[in-house]
Amino acid sequence: MTTSRRYLIPILVLVALGAADAITGYVRSTHPQGFFGPVAPAAPEMRFLAEPFALTPFSAIDFEGRDVSVSTWRRKVTVVNFWATWCLPCRREIPALVSLQQRLEPDLSVLGVLDDTAPDKFVRAFAQSFRLNYPVVRTTAEIEASFSPALVLPTTYIVDTVGRVVSVHAGEIDPILVEREVRALIASPAEASSR
């Protein structure tokens, strides 16, 4: 076998791969929704706890002087978000929490638990700049004992209408997943939280 014939097959394979790549690129650029139409993304799977746990009662006053103790949440689904002003993932998820509160009120209550030593004046200005439409409290030993300390910021707890934590999201939330869980709890509280 001559040297030129020995290299012919690998060269033809490379040419074929290059042509396939070019065709794939062309199809993707001319059919961005998929060749056979739009492909619906899979809905994220809800992740309710196998064993929900009841919150120990605690009392807290938000930055506006309002009582936001556990007893004020009864008959509402509550999203409790542990966060800090210096935390970039926390900042990124705030608009989703604001939107969720706005769209699902009065069936939903969002609470921000600040795990941060920023001065009150700074926190109020921060809340105003992000247009927070839900109360914010500083974390306390009592709150941490009720939820268990958030090892990662942000950490988000979803509490059902009877005061049990039914879902925990460590790290930045998937807004679609959190909304699905909240809506399931609003629609049928007992069934959703027992999944």
C-alpha atoms as a PDB file:
ATOM      1  CA  MET A   1       0.000   0.000   0.000  1.00  0.00           C
ATOM      2  CA  THR A   2       1.420   3.352  -0.981  1.00  0.00           C
ATOM      3  CA  THR A   3       1.755   6.227   1.464  1.00  0.00           C
ATOM      4  CA  SER A   4      -0.905   8.331  -0.284  1.00  0.00           C
ATOM      5  CA  ARG A   5      -3.500   5.524  -0.098  1.00  0.00           C
ATOM      6  CA  ARG A   6      -2.769   4.949   3.607  1.00  0.00           C
ATOM      7  CA  TYR A   7      -3.816   8.548   4.406  1.00  0.00           C
ATOM      8  CA  LEU A   8      -6.808   8.587   2.064  1.00  0.00           C
ATOM      9  CA  ILE A   9      -9.295   6.933   4.461  1.00  0.00           C
ATOM     10  CA  PRO A  10      -8.489   9.176   7.483  1.00  0.00           C
ATOM     11  CA  ILE A  11      -8.696  12.244   5.220  1.00  0.00           C
ATOM     12  CA  LEU A  12     -12.081  11.139   3.869  1.00  0.00           C
ATOM     13  CA  VAL A  13     -13.332  10.554   7.432  1.00  0.00           C
ATOM     14  CA  LEU A  14     -12.223  14.073   8.444  1.00  0.00           C
ATOM     15  CA  VAL A  15     -13.911  15.590   5.374  1.00  0.00           C
ATOM     16  CA  ALA A  16     -17.136  13.676   6.171  1.00  0.00           C
ATOM     17  CA  LEU A  17     -17.066  14.865   9.808  1.00  0.00           C
ATOM     18  CA  GLY A  18     -16.481  18.458   8.662  1.00  0.00           C
ATOM     19  CA  ALA A  19     -19.405  18.226   6.245  1.00  0.00           C
ATOM     20  CA  ALA A  20     -21.667  16.762   8.954  1.00  0.00           C
ATOM     21  CA  ASP A  21     -20.671  19.612  11.313  1.00  0.00           C
ATOM     22  CA  ALA A  22     -21.412  22.215   8.616  1.00  0.00           C
ATOM     23  CA  ILE A  23     -24.820  20.670   7.890  1.00  0.00           C
ATOM     24  CA  THR A  24     -25.681  20.527  11.598  1.00  0.00           C
ATOM     25  CA  GLY A  25     -24.667  24.180  12.005  1.00  0.00           C
ATOM     26  CA  TYR A  26     -26.795  25.178   9.024  1.00  0.00           C
ATOM     27  CA  VAL A  27     -29.853  23.304  10.338  1.00  0.00           C
ATOM     28  CA  ARG A  28     -29.450  24.863  13.813  1.00  0.00           C
ATOM     29  CA  SER A  29     -29.127  28.371  12.361  1.00  0.00           C
ATOM     30  CA  THR A  30     -32.126  28.017  10.044  1.00  0.00           C
ATOM     31  CA  HIS A  31     -34.328  26.079  12.494  1.00  0.00           C
ATOM     32  CA  PRO A  32     -33.547  27.500  15.980  1.00  0.00           C
ATOM     33  CA  GLN A  33     -36.719  25.961  17.434  1.00  0.00           C
ATOM     34  CA  GLY A  34     -35.739  22.476  16.309  1.00  0.00           C
ATOM     35  CA  PHE A  35     -36.063  20.769  12.931  1.00  0.00           C
ATOM     36  CA  PHE A  36     -39.489  19.325  13.714  1.00  0.00           C
ATOM     37  CA  GLY A  37     -40.824  22.356  15.639  1.00  0.00           C
ATOM     38  CA  PRO A  38     -40.362  23.699  19.146  1.00  0.00           C
ATOM     39  CA  VAL A  39     -39.113  21.316  21.770  1.00  0.00           C
ATOM     40  CA  ALA A  40     -40.830  21.880  25.103  1.00  0.00           C
ATOM     41  CA  PRO A  41     -38.368  21.831  27.986  1.00  0.00           C
ATOM     42  CA  ALA A  42     -39.044  19.185  30.588  1.00  0.00           C
ATOM     43  CA  ALA A  43     -40.788  20.585  33.647  1.00  0.00           C
ATOM     44  CA  PRO A  44     -38.537  20.410  36.700  1.00  0.00           C
ATOM     45  CA  GLU A  45     -39.540  17.667  39.096  1.00  0.00           C
ATOM     46  CA  MET A  46     -40.962  18.796  42.435  1.00  0.00           C
ATOM     47  CA  ARG A  47     -38.804  17.783  45.396  1.00  0.00           C
ATOM     48  CA  PHE A  48     -41.009  17.601  48.475  1.00  0.00           C
ATOM     49  CA  LEU A  49     -39.399  16.178  51.592  1.00  0.00           C
ATOM     50  CA  ALA A  50     -40.267  12.581  52.426  1.00  0.00           C
ATOM     51  CA  GLU A  51     -40.686  13.673  56.041  1.00  0.00           C
ATOM     52  CA  PRO A  52     -41.807  17.307  56.370  1.00  0.00           C
ATOM     53  CA  PHE A  53     -40.952  18.884  59.723  1.00  0.00           C
ATOM     54  CA  ALA A  54     -42.943  21.329  61.806  1.00  0.00           C
ATOM     55  CA  LEU A  55     -41.382  24.678  62.580  1.00  0.00           C
ATOM     56  CA  THR A  56     -40.744  25.555  66.183  1.00  0.00           C
ATOM     57  CA  PRO A  57     -42.585  28.784  66.869  1.00  0.00           C
ATOM     58  CA  PHE A  58     -40.461  31.913  66.809  1.00  0.00           C
ATOM     59  CA  SER A  59     -41.196  35.590  66.821  1.00  0.00           C
ATOM     60  CA  ALA A  60     -39.552  38.195  64.646  1.00  0.00           C
ATOM     61  CA  ILE A  61     -40.028  41.847  63.778  1.00  0.00           C
ATOM     62  CA  ASP A  62     -39.201  42.976  60.243  1.00  0.00           C
ATOM     63  CA  PHE A  63     -37.355  46.161  59.270  1.00  0.00           C
ATOM     64  CA  GLU A  64     -40.680  48.016  59.108  1.00  0.00           C
ATOM     65  CA  GLY A  65     -41.611  47.004  62.690  1.00  0.00           C
ATOM     66  CA  ARG A  66     -44.211  44.379  61.718  1.00  0.00           C
ATOM     67  CA  ASP A  67     -44.675  41.020  63.443  1.00  0.00           C
ATOM     68  CA  VAL A  68     -43.758  38.129  61.129  1.00  0.00           C
ATOM     69  CA  SER A  69     -43.891  35.226  63.573  1.00  0.00           C
ATOM     70  CA  VAL A  70     -44.927  31.760  62.388  1.00  0.00           C
ATOM     71  CA  SER A  71     -48.465  32.276  63.688  1.00  0.00           C
ATOM     72  CA  THR A  72     -48.996  35.058  61.095  1.00  0.00           C
ATOM     73  CA  TRP A  73     -48.413  32.564  58.243  1.00  0.00           C
ATOM     74  CA  ARG A  74     -51.224  30.141  59.026  1.00  0.00           C
ATOM     75  CA  ARG A  75     -53.376  29.161  56.046  1.00  0.00           C
ATOM     76  CA  LYS A  76     -50.758  30.517  53.614  1.00  0.00           C
ATOM     77  CA  VAL A  77     -47.906  28.844  51.797  1.00  0.00           C
ATOM     78  CA  THR A  78     -44.702  30.578  52.867  1.00  0.00           C
ATOM     79  CA  VAL A  79     -41.347  30.826  51.095  1.00  0.00           C
ATOM     80  CA  VAL A  80     -38.573  31.583  53.586  1.00  0.00           C
ATOM     81  CA  ASN A  81     -35.380  32.743  51.904  1.00  0.00           C
ATOM     82  CA  PHE A  82     -32.100  32.973  53.866  1.00  0.00           C
ATOM     83  CA  TRP A  83     -29.860  35.489  52.116  1.00  0.00           C
ATOM     84  CA  ALA A  84     -27.251  38.225  52.479  1.00  0.00           C
ATOM     85  CA  THR A  85     -26.715  41.557  50.746  1.00  0.00           C
ATOM     86  CA  TRP A  86     -23.171  40.571  49.687  1.00  0.00           C
ATOM     87  CA  CYS A  87     -24.303  37.263  48.131  1.00  0.00           C
ATOM     88  CA  LEU A  88     -24.538  37.427  44.306  1.00  0.00           C
ATOM     89  CA  PRO A  89     -26.795  34.342  43.866  1.00  0.00           C
ATOM     90  CA  CYS A  90     -29.075  35.862  46.523  1.00  0.00           C
ATOM     91  CA  ARG A  91     -29.282  39.084  44.537  1.00  0.00           C
ATOM     92  CA  ARG A  92     -30.009  37.211  41.312  1.00  0.00           C
ATOM     93  CA  GLU A  93     -33.002  35.362  42.760  1.00  0.00           C
ATOM     94  CA  ILE A  94     -34.639  38.391  44.431  1.00  0.00           C
ATOM     95  CA  PRO A  95     -36.584  39.457  41.295  1.00  0.00           C
ATOM     96  CA  ALA A  96     -38.114  35.962  41.032  1.00  0.00           C
ATOM     97  CA  LEU A  97     -39.204  36.089  44.686  1.00  0.00           C
ATOM     98  CA  VAL A  98     -40.651  39.592  44.233  1.00  0.00           C
ATOM     99  CA  SER A  99     -42.582  38.412  41.165  1.00  0.00           C
ATOM    100  CA  LEU A 100     -43.830  35.277  42.927  1.00  0.00           C
ATOM    101  CA  GLN A 101     -45.073  37.316  45.901  1.00  0.00           C
ATOM    102  CA  GLN A 102     -46.814  39.781  43.610  1.00  0.00           C
ATOM    103  CA  ARG A 103     -48.534  37.144  41.470  1.00  0.00           C
ATOM    104  CA  LEU A 104     -49.612  34.683  44.172  1.00  0.00           C
ATOM    105  CA  GLU A 105     -50.668  37.035  46.949  1.00  0.00           C
ATOM    106  CA  PRO A 106     -52.824  36.532  49.102  1.00  0.00           C
ATOM    107  CA  ASP A 107     -52.184  32.747  49.058  1.00  0.00           C
ATOM    108  CA  LEU A 108     -48.425  33.160  49.431  1.00  0.00           C
ATOM    109  CA  SER A 109     -46.181  34.890  51.905  1.00  0.00           C
ATOM    110  CA  VAL A 110     -42.473  35.375  51.163  1.00  0.00           C
ATOM    111  CA  LEU A 111     -40.095  36.140  54.043  1.00  0.00           C
ATOM    112  CA  GLY A 112     -36.470  37.148  53.674  1.00  0.00           C
ATOM    113  CA  VAL A 113     -34.189  36.135  56.536  1.00  0.00           C
ATOM    114  CA  LEU A 114     -31.051  38.245  56.419  1.00  0.00           C
ATOM    115  CA  ASP A 115     -27.868  36.449  57.475  1.00  0.00           C
ATOM    116  CA  ASP A 116     -25.758  39.589  57.299  1.00  0.00           C
ATOM    117  CA  THR A 117     -24.315  42.266  59.599  1.00  0.00           C
ATOM    118  CA  ALA A 118     -25.038  45.185  57.255  1.00  0.00           C
ATOM    119  CA  PRO A 119     -26.413  48.275  59.068  1.00  0.00           C
ATOM    120  CA  ASP A 120     -30.200  48.703  59.151  1.00  0.00           C
ATOM    121  CA  LYS A 121     -30.036  51.852  57.014  1.00  0.00           C
ATOM    122  CA  PHE A 122     -28.122  49.996  54.298  1.00  0.00           C
ATOM    123  CA  VAL A 123     -30.558  47.055  54.382  1.00  0.00           C
ATOM    124  CA  ARG A 124     -33.561  49.376  54.016  1.00  0.00           C
ATOM    125  CA  ALA A 125     -31.919  51.122  51.034  1.00  0.00           C
ATOM    126  CA  PHE A 126     -31.016  47.731  49.537  1.00  0.00           C
ATOM    127  CA  ALA A 127     -34.606  46.490  49.930  1.00  0.00           C
ATOM    128  CA  GLN A 128     -35.916  49.650  48.309  1.00  0.00           C
ATOM    129  CA  SER A 129     -33.496  49.443  45.366  1.00  0.00           C
ATOM    130  CA  PHE A 130     -34.558  45.822  44.707  1.00  0.00           C
ATOM    131  CA  ARG A 131     -38.240  46.732  45.236  1.00  0.00           C
ATOM    132  CA  LEU A 132     -38.723  44.032  47.856  1.00  0.00           C
ATOM    133  CA  ASN A 133     -42.458  43.530  48.406  1.00  0.00           C
ATOM    134  CA  TYR A 134     -42.044  41.085  51.266  1.00  0.00           C
ATOM    135  CA  PRO A 135     -40.799  41.451  54.843  1.00  0.00           C
ATOM    136  CA  VAL A 136     -37.145  40.993  55.811  1.00  0.00           C
ATOM    137  CA  VAL A 137     -35.908  40.036  59.280  1.00  0.00           C
ATOM    138  CA  ARG A 138     -32.439  39.425  60.648  1.00  0.00           C
ATOM    139  CA  THR A 139     -31.657  35.847  61.508  1.00  0.00           C
ATOM    140  CA  THR A 140     -31.581  34.966  65.186  1.00  0.00           C
ATOM    141  CA  ALA A 141     -30.642  31.879  67.165  1.00  0.00           C
ATOM    142  CA  GLU A 142     -34.366  31.209  67.568  1.00  0.00           C
ATOM    143  CA  ILE A 143     -34.970  31.317  63.791  1.00  0.00           C
ATOM    144  CA  GLU A 144     -31.916  29.179  63.053  1.00  0.00           C
ATOM    145  CA  ALA A 145     -33.044  26.617  65.631  1.00  0.00           C
ATOM    146  CA  SER A 146     -36.407  26.422  63.900  1.00  0.00           C
ATOM    147  CA  PHE A 147     -35.061  25.964  60.375  1.00  0.00           C
ATOM    148  CA  SER A 148     -31.573  24.635  61.125  1.00  0.00           C
ATOM    149  CA  PRO A 149     -28.715  26.962  60.195  1.00  0.00           C
ATOM    150  CA  ALA A 150     -28.432  27.726  56.486  1.00  0.00           C
ATOM    151  CA  LEU A 151     -25.046  26.278  55.537  1.00  0.00           C
ATOM    152  CA  VAL A 152     -25.254  27.788  52.053  1.00  0.00           C
ATOM    153  CA  LEU A 153     -26.561  31.187  51.049  1.00  0.00           C
ATOM    154  CA  PRO A 154     -29.084  31.422  49.657  1.00  0.00           C
ATOM    155  CA  THR A 155     -31.173  28.633  51.146  1.00  0.00           C
ATOM    156  CA  THR A 156     -34.924  28.620  50.609  1.00  0.00           C
ATOM    157  CA  TYR A 157     -37.527  26.732  52.626  1.00  0.00           C
ATOM    158  CA  ILE A 158     -41.096  26.180  51.490  1.00  0.00           C
ATOM    159  CA  VAL A 159     -43.574  25.957  54.344  1.00  0.00           C
ATOM    160  CA  ASP A 160     -47.068  24.534  53.878  1.00  0.00           C
ATOM    161  CA  THR A 161     -50.319  25.989  55.216  1.00  0.00           C
ATOM    162  CA  VAL A 162     -50.020  24.199  58.558  1.00  0.00           C
ATOM    163  CA  GLY A 163     -46.474  25.352  59.319  1.00  0.00           C
ATOM    164  CA  ARG A 164     -44.402  22.394  58.118  1.00  0.00           C
ATOM    165  CA  VAL A 165     -41.247  22.684  56.017  1.00  0.00           C
ATOM    166  CA  VAL A 166     -42.015  20.559  52.964  1.00  0.00           C
ATOM    167  CA  SER A 167     -39.191  21.535  50.595  1.00  0.00           C
ATOM    168  CA  VAL A 168     -35.628  22.885  50.926  1.00  0.00           C
ATOM    169  CA  HIS A 169     -33.574  24.471  48.138  1.00  0.00           C
ATOM    170  CA  ALA A 170     -29.889  24.994  48.955  1.00  0.00           C
ATOM    171  CA  GLY A 171     -28.247  27.488  46.616  1.00  0.00           C
ATOM    172  CA  GLU A 172     -29.864  29.704  44.007  1.00  0.00           C
ATOM    173  CA  ILE A 173     -33.448  28.667  43.347  1.00  0.00           C
ATOM    174  CA  ASP A 174     -34.915  27.429  40.105  1.00  0.00           C
ATOM    175  CA  PRO A 175     -37.853  29.889  39.943  1.00  0.00           C
ATOM    176  CA  ILE A 176     -39.957  27.545  37.797  1.00  0.00           C
ATOM    177  CA  LEU A 177     -39.543  24.673  40.256  1.00  0.00           C
ATOM    178  CA  VAL A 178     -40.294  26.821  43.314  1.00  0.00           C
ATOM    179  CA  GLU A 179     -43.403  28.225  41.659  1.00  0.00           C
ATOM    180  CA  ARG A 180     -44.607  24.732  40.731  1.00  0.00           C
ATOM    181  CA  GLU A 181     -44.191  23.586  44.335  1.00  0.00           C
ATOM    182  CA  VAL A 182     -45.939  26.668  45.716  1.00  0.00           C
ATOM    183  CA  ARG A 183     -48.834  26.373  43.269  1.00  0.00           C
ATOM    184  CA  ALA A 184     -49.235  22.657  44.078  1.00  0.00           C
ATOM    185  CA  LEU A 185     -49.443  23.498  47.797  1.00  0.00           C
ATOM    186  CA  ILE A 186     -51.947  26.294  47.180  1.00  0.00           C
ATOM    187  CA  ALA A 187     -54.131  24.067  44.967  1.00  0.00           C
ATOM    188  CA  SER A 188     -54.269  21.085  47.314  1.00  0.00           C
ATOM    189  CA  PRO A 189     -52.175  21.548  50.460  1.00  0.00           C
ATOM    190  CA  ALA A 190     -52.575  18.100  51.999  1.00  0.00           C
ATOM    191  CA  GLU A 191     -51.917  16.127  48.811  1.00  0.00           C
ATOM    192  CA  ALA A 192     -48.941  18.114  47.563  1.00  0.00           C
ATOM    193  CA  SER A 193     -46.926  18.081  50.769  1.00  0.00           C
ATOM    194  CA  SER A 194     -47.445  14.335  51.275  1.00  0.00           C
ATOM    195  CA  ARG A 195     -45.800  13.444  47.920  1.00  0.00           C
END
